[in-house]
């Protein structure tokens, strides 16, 4: 058993992101298409009645049902016209971050994403989902939160990451961090540290919020594995049972 099992078990739904009644420059459409290039998500545009201009809708390909919608401008601020520094430096804080509904709706879909310099914004998908799960944990203020960093020094080196985990460590969430122990958080950060050198410490990127049963709707998990340098296979889920299984696997094996 390994974290990789959770990726191979996915029964991926078929989804399309559709930019409705586009009035924004074609460049934004192109960036959105490039973000999901070679993924299991199609990107197109179309004219839809009774829909605001520049609205991105998430469509289930099997039923044709619209599952979620978000203003294109929200995707601009979150993923299209930003880079990872916005999150690493702390400009996007827990209290100001909002995840577009159409991105949340891509759960249970496997992604293969490249980091910089191969891609400017593919890996941002994993970063924004990570920040969303961190925000869920902060809002719930209870349960367990587990996050891996490959190297624990990232918590110290990235001011935005340090701020987020300082906030979580001071909250009512039991916060566990994982990675190669090239830096050890001080006790005043309130974090429970797990250090190791196996593949699941060095190559895994997971962010898991396992809430109390009374807040099961807040469950969320991201799991990604670096299969080659700067190349990630990953997915995210909001299914409470799957989140619980991932949480228990990490607790027992790392």
Protein backbone atom coordinates (compact mmCIF):
# COMPACT_ATOMS: atom_id res chain seq x y z
CA UNK A 1 0.00 0.00 0.00
CA UNK A 2 1.22 3.51 -0.79
CA UNK A 3 -0.04 7.01 -1.51
CA UNK A 4 0.16 6.15 -5.20
CA UNK A 5 -2.77 3.76 -4.72
CA UNK A 6 -5.13 6.68 -4.14
CA UNK A 7 -4.32 8.06 -7.60
CA UNK A 8 -4.74 4.75 -9.40
CA UNK A 9 -8.15 4.07 -7.81
CA UNK A 10 -9.82 7.16 -9.27
CA UNK A 11 -12.86 6.71 -11.50
CA UNK A 12 -12.36 10.08 -13.17
CA UNK A 13 -15.42 12.00 -14.35
CA UNK A 14 -15.36 13.84 -17.69
CA UNK A 15 -15.57 17.63 -17.36
CA UNK A 16 -15.43 20.73 -19.60
CA UNK A 17 -14.63 24.31 -18.63
CA UNK A 18 -16.63 26.61 -20.86
CA UNK A 19 -16.11 30.37 -21.04
CA UNK A 20 -19.57 31.76 -21.67
CA UNK A 21 -20.21 34.96 -23.64
CA UNK A 22 -16.55 35.95 -23.63
CA UNK A 23 -15.94 39.67 -23.82
CA UNK A 24 -12.44 39.52 -22.28
CA UNK A 25 -9.34 39.45 -24.50
CA UNK A 26 -8.63 36.22 -26.35
CA UNK A 27 -5.35 36.02 -24.41
CA UNK A 28 -7.22 34.98 -21.25
CA UNK A 29 -8.95 32.17 -23.10
CA UNK A 30 -5.56 31.04 -24.39
CA UNK A 31 -4.01 31.03 -20.91
CA UNK A 32 -6.93 28.98 -19.57
CA UNK A 33 -6.55 26.51 -22.43
CA UNK A 34 -2.80 26.23 -21.82
CA UNK A 35 -3.36 25.67 -18.09
CA UNK A 36 -5.40 22.55 -18.85
CA UNK A 37 -3.53 21.44 -21.95
CA UNK A 38 -3.05 17.66 -22.03
CA UNK A 39 -5.34 17.26 -19.00
CA UNK A 40 -8.62 15.37 -18.74
CA UNK A 41 -10.52 18.63 -18.83
CA UNK A 42 -11.56 20.28 -22.08
CA UNK A 43 -11.63 24.09 -22.38
CA UNK A 44 -13.84 25.88 -24.89
CA UNK A 45 -16.02 28.95 -25.26
CA UNK A 46 -19.60 29.45 -26.38
CA UNK A 47 -22.57 31.79 -26.28
CA UNK A 48 -25.03 30.89 -23.54
CA UNK A 49 -28.38 32.60 -22.98
CA UNK A 50 -29.24 34.03 -19.56
CA UNK A 51 -25.56 33.96 -18.53
CA UNK A 52 -23.38 36.93 -17.64
CA UNK A 53 -20.49 37.80 -19.92
CA UNK A 54 -17.13 36.27 -19.04
CA UNK A 55 -18.55 33.50 -16.88
CA UNK A 56 -16.70 30.19 -16.66
CA UNK A 57 -19.02 27.21 -16.23
CA UNK A 58 -18.07 23.64 -15.37
CA UNK A 59 -20.03 21.10 -17.38
CA UNK A 60 -20.44 17.38 -16.80
CA UNK A 61 -19.78 15.87 -20.23
CA UNK A 62 -22.01 12.83 -19.68
CA UNK A 63 -25.17 14.65 -18.58
CA UNK A 64 -24.53 18.12 -19.99
CA UNK A 65 -25.38 19.53 -16.55
CA UNK A 66 -23.72 22.73 -15.34
CA UNK A 67 -22.03 21.83 -12.05
CA UNK A 68 -20.57 25.21 -11.05
CA UNK A 69 -19.84 28.68 -12.35
CA UNK A 70 -17.31 31.41 -11.56
CA UNK A 71 -16.50 34.83 -12.98
CA UNK A 72 -13.52 34.70 -15.32
CA UNK A 73 -12.08 37.59 -13.32
CA UNK A 74 -11.89 35.34 -10.24
CA UNK A 75 -9.78 32.83 -12.17
CA UNK A 76 -7.58 35.71 -13.34
CA UNK A 77 -6.86 36.69 -9.72
CA UNK A 78 -6.39 33.12 -8.56
CA UNK A 79 -4.48 31.29 -11.26
CA UNK A 80 -4.37 32.85 -14.74
CA UNK A 81 -2.54 36.15 -14.22
CA UNK A 82 -0.52 35.36 -11.09
CA UNK A 83 2.50 33.23 -10.22
CA UNK A 84 3.37 31.10 -7.22
CA UNK A 85 5.21 33.97 -5.52
CA UNK A 86 1.82 35.48 -4.70
CA UNK A 87 1.23 32.55 -2.36
CA UNK A 88 4.79 31.98 -1.16
CA UNK A 89 5.20 35.59 -0.01
CA UNK A 90 1.90 35.68 1.86
CA UNK A 91 0.06 38.15 -0.37
CA UNK A 92 -2.79 35.61 -0.57
CA UNK A 93 -3.60 35.05 3.10
CA UNK A 94 -6.07 32.59 4.60
CA UNK A 95 -8.66 35.27 5.30
CA UNK A 96 -8.54 36.73 1.78
CA UNK A 97 -8.21 33.59 -0.33
CA UNK A 98 -11.20 32.36 -2.35
CA UNK A 99 -11.20 29.29 -4.57
CA UNK A 100 -13.32 29.57 -7.73
CA UNK A 101 -16.16 27.06 -7.61
CA UNK A 102 -15.23 25.70 -11.04
CA UNK A 103 -11.78 24.69 -9.76
CA UNK A 104 -13.21 23.05 -6.65
CA UNK A 105 -15.51 21.12 -9.00
CA UNK A 106 -12.54 19.41 -10.68
CA UNK A 107 -12.19 17.05 -7.72
CA UNK A 108 -11.56 13.34 -8.34
CA UNK A 109 -9.89 14.12 -11.69
CA UNK A 110 -6.23 13.04 -12.03
CA UNK A 111 -3.83 15.73 -13.23
CA UNK A 112 -0.27 15.62 -14.54
CA UNK A 113 1.21 19.06 -13.92
CA UNK A 114 4.59 20.62 -14.62
CA UNK A 115 6.37 23.13 -12.44
CA UNK A 116 8.46 26.13 -13.43
CA UNK A 117 10.25 26.61 -15.83
CA UNK A 118 8.45 24.00 -17.95
CA UNK A 119 5.14 25.69 -17.15
CA UNK A 120 4.32 29.04 -15.60
CA UNK A 121 0.93 28.16 -14.17
CA UNK A 122 0.13 24.41 -14.31
CA UNK A 123 1.52 23.72 -10.81
CA UNK A 124 -0.51 26.66 -9.49
CA UNK A 125 -3.52 24.33 -9.50
CA UNK A 126 -1.91 22.32 -6.72
CA UNK A 127 -0.88 25.46 -4.85
CA UNK A 128 -4.36 27.02 -4.88
CA UNK A 129 -6.02 23.77 -3.80
CA UNK A 130 -3.47 23.48 -0.98
CA UNK A 131 -4.31 26.99 0.20
CA UNK A 132 -8.03 26.21 0.01
CA UNK A 133 -7.62 23.13 2.22
CA UNK A 134 -5.53 25.14 4.67
CA UNK A 135 -8.32 27.72 4.77
CA UNK A 136 -10.90 24.98 5.44
CA UNK A 137 -8.83 23.75 8.38
CA UNK A 138 -8.49 27.29 9.76
CA UNK A 139 -12.23 27.94 9.42
CA UNK A 140 -13.18 24.62 11.04
CA UNK A 141 -10.72 25.25 13.90
CA UNK A 142 -10.89 21.56 14.85
CA UNK A 143 -9.81 18.14 13.64
CA UNK A 144 -6.46 17.19 12.12
CA UNK A 145 -4.49 18.82 9.34
CA UNK A 146 -1.55 17.09 7.64
CA UNK A 147 0.76 18.68 5.09
CA UNK A 148 3.99 17.57 3.44
CA UNK A 149 6.71 19.91 2.17
CA UNK A 150 9.36 17.48 0.85
CA UNK A 151 11.83 19.55 2.89
CA UNK A 152 10.63 21.03 6.18
CA UNK A 153 12.85 24.07 5.56
CA UNK A 154 10.24 25.31 3.07
CA UNK A 155 8.05 26.30 6.01
CA UNK A 156 10.80 28.62 7.17
CA UNK A 157 12.00 29.80 3.76
CA UNK A 158 8.62 30.90 2.36
CA UNK A 159 7.12 33.72 4.38
CA UNK A 160 3.59 33.01 3.18
CA UNK A 161 3.85 29.32 4.07
CA UNK A 162 5.34 30.17 7.46
CA UNK A 163 2.48 32.58 8.18
CA UNK A 164 -0.17 30.02 7.23
CA UNK A 165 1.30 27.30 9.41
CA UNK A 166 1.93 29.66 12.29
CA UNK A 167 -1.78 30.49 12.12
CA UNK A 168 -2.81 26.84 11.94
CA UNK A 169 -0.43 25.88 14.72
CA UNK A 170 -2.03 28.45 17.02
CA UNK A 171 -5.57 27.32 16.12
CA UNK A 172 -7.70 24.47 17.42
CA UNK A 173 -6.55 22.23 14.56
CA UNK A 174 -3.98 19.56 15.39
CA UNK A 175 -1.44 20.38 12.68
CA UNK A 176 1.10 17.81 11.45
CA UNK A 177 3.92 18.66 9.01
CA UNK A 178 6.07 16.18 7.07
CA UNK A 179 9.34 16.32 5.17
CA UNK A 180 13.08 15.78 5.18
CA UNK A 181 14.15 17.27 8.54
CA UNK A 182 16.60 19.87 7.22
CA UNK A 183 14.92 22.35 9.56
CA UNK A 184 12.88 21.69 12.70
CA UNK A 185 9.99 24.03 13.62
CA UNK A 186 10.29 25.53 17.07
CA UNK A 187 7.78 24.45 19.70
CA UNK A 188 6.13 27.87 19.75
CA UNK A 189 4.81 27.26 16.21
CA UNK A 190 2.52 24.60 17.66
CA UNK A 191 3.23 22.07 14.90
CA UNK A 192 3.71 18.30 15.24
CA UNK A 193 6.75 17.44 13.13
CA UNK A 194 7.38 14.20 11.22
CA UNK A 195 10.75 13.85 9.52
CA UNK A 196 11.94 11.11 7.19
CA UNK A 197 13.90 10.20 4.08
CA UNK A 198 11.73 7.64 2.30
CA UNK A 199 10.07 8.35 -1.06
CA UNK A 200 6.82 9.45 0.56
CA UNK A 201 8.71 12.14 2.48
CA UNK A 202 10.88 13.28 -0.43
CA UNK A 203 8.46 12.95 -3.38
CA UNK A 204 4.95 13.43 -1.94
CA UNK A 205 2.88 16.59 -1.73
CA UNK A 206 -0.23 16.15 0.36
CA UNK A 207 -2.51 18.52 2.22
CA UNK A 208 -5.28 16.84 4.19
CA UNK A 209 -7.94 18.24 6.49
CA UNK A 210 -9.78 15.56 8.47
CA UNK A 211 -12.46 17.39 10.46
CA UNK A 212 -14.55 16.10 13.37
CA UNK A 213 -17.58 14.06 12.34
CA UNK A 214 -19.89 17.00 12.99
CA UNK A 215 -18.06 18.95 10.26
CA UNK A 216 -17.69 16.14 7.71
CA UNK A 217 -18.60 18.53 4.87
CA UNK A 218 -15.29 20.32 5.50
CA UNK A 219 -13.19 17.24 4.65
CA UNK A 220 -10.66 17.76 1.88
CA UNK A 221 -7.42 16.26 0.62
CA UNK A 222 -4.86 16.82 -2.08
CA UNK A 223 -2.38 14.07 -2.96
CA UNK A 224 0.39 14.53 -5.54
CA UNK A 225 3.58 12.62 -6.30
CA UNK A 226 6.65 14.01 -8.07
CA UNK A 227 7.25 11.30 -10.66
CA UNK A 228 10.10 13.23 -12.32
CA UNK A 229 11.79 16.50 -11.35
CA UNK A 230 9.08 19.22 -11.47
CA UNK A 231 6.46 16.81 -12.86
CA UNK A 232 3.52 15.91 -10.62
CA UNK A 233 0.68 13.40 -10.74
CA UNK A 234 -2.07 14.44 -8.38
CA UNK A 235 -5.75 14.93 -7.56
CA UNK A 236 -7.95 16.46 -4.89
CA UNK A 237 -11.09 15.17 -3.22
CA UNK A 238 -13.85 16.33 -0.90
CA UNK A 239 -15.29 12.87 -0.31
CA UNK A 240 -15.28 12.35 3.49
CA UNK A 241 -14.63 8.59 3.26
CA UNK A 242 -11.72 9.00 0.85
CA UNK A 243 -10.27 11.84 2.94
CA UNK A 244 -10.54 9.67 6.06
CA UNK A 245 -8.73 6.81 4.32
CA UNK A 246 -5.92 9.10 3.16
CA UNK A 247 -5.64 10.61 6.64
CA UNK A 248 -5.43 7.19 8.28
CA UNK A 249 -2.82 5.98 5.78
CA UNK A 250 -0.56 8.97 6.48
CA UNK A 251 -1.05 8.68 10.26
CA UNK A 252 -0.08 5.00 10.26
CA UNK A 253 2.75 5.03 7.70
CA UNK A 254 4.61 8.35 7.88
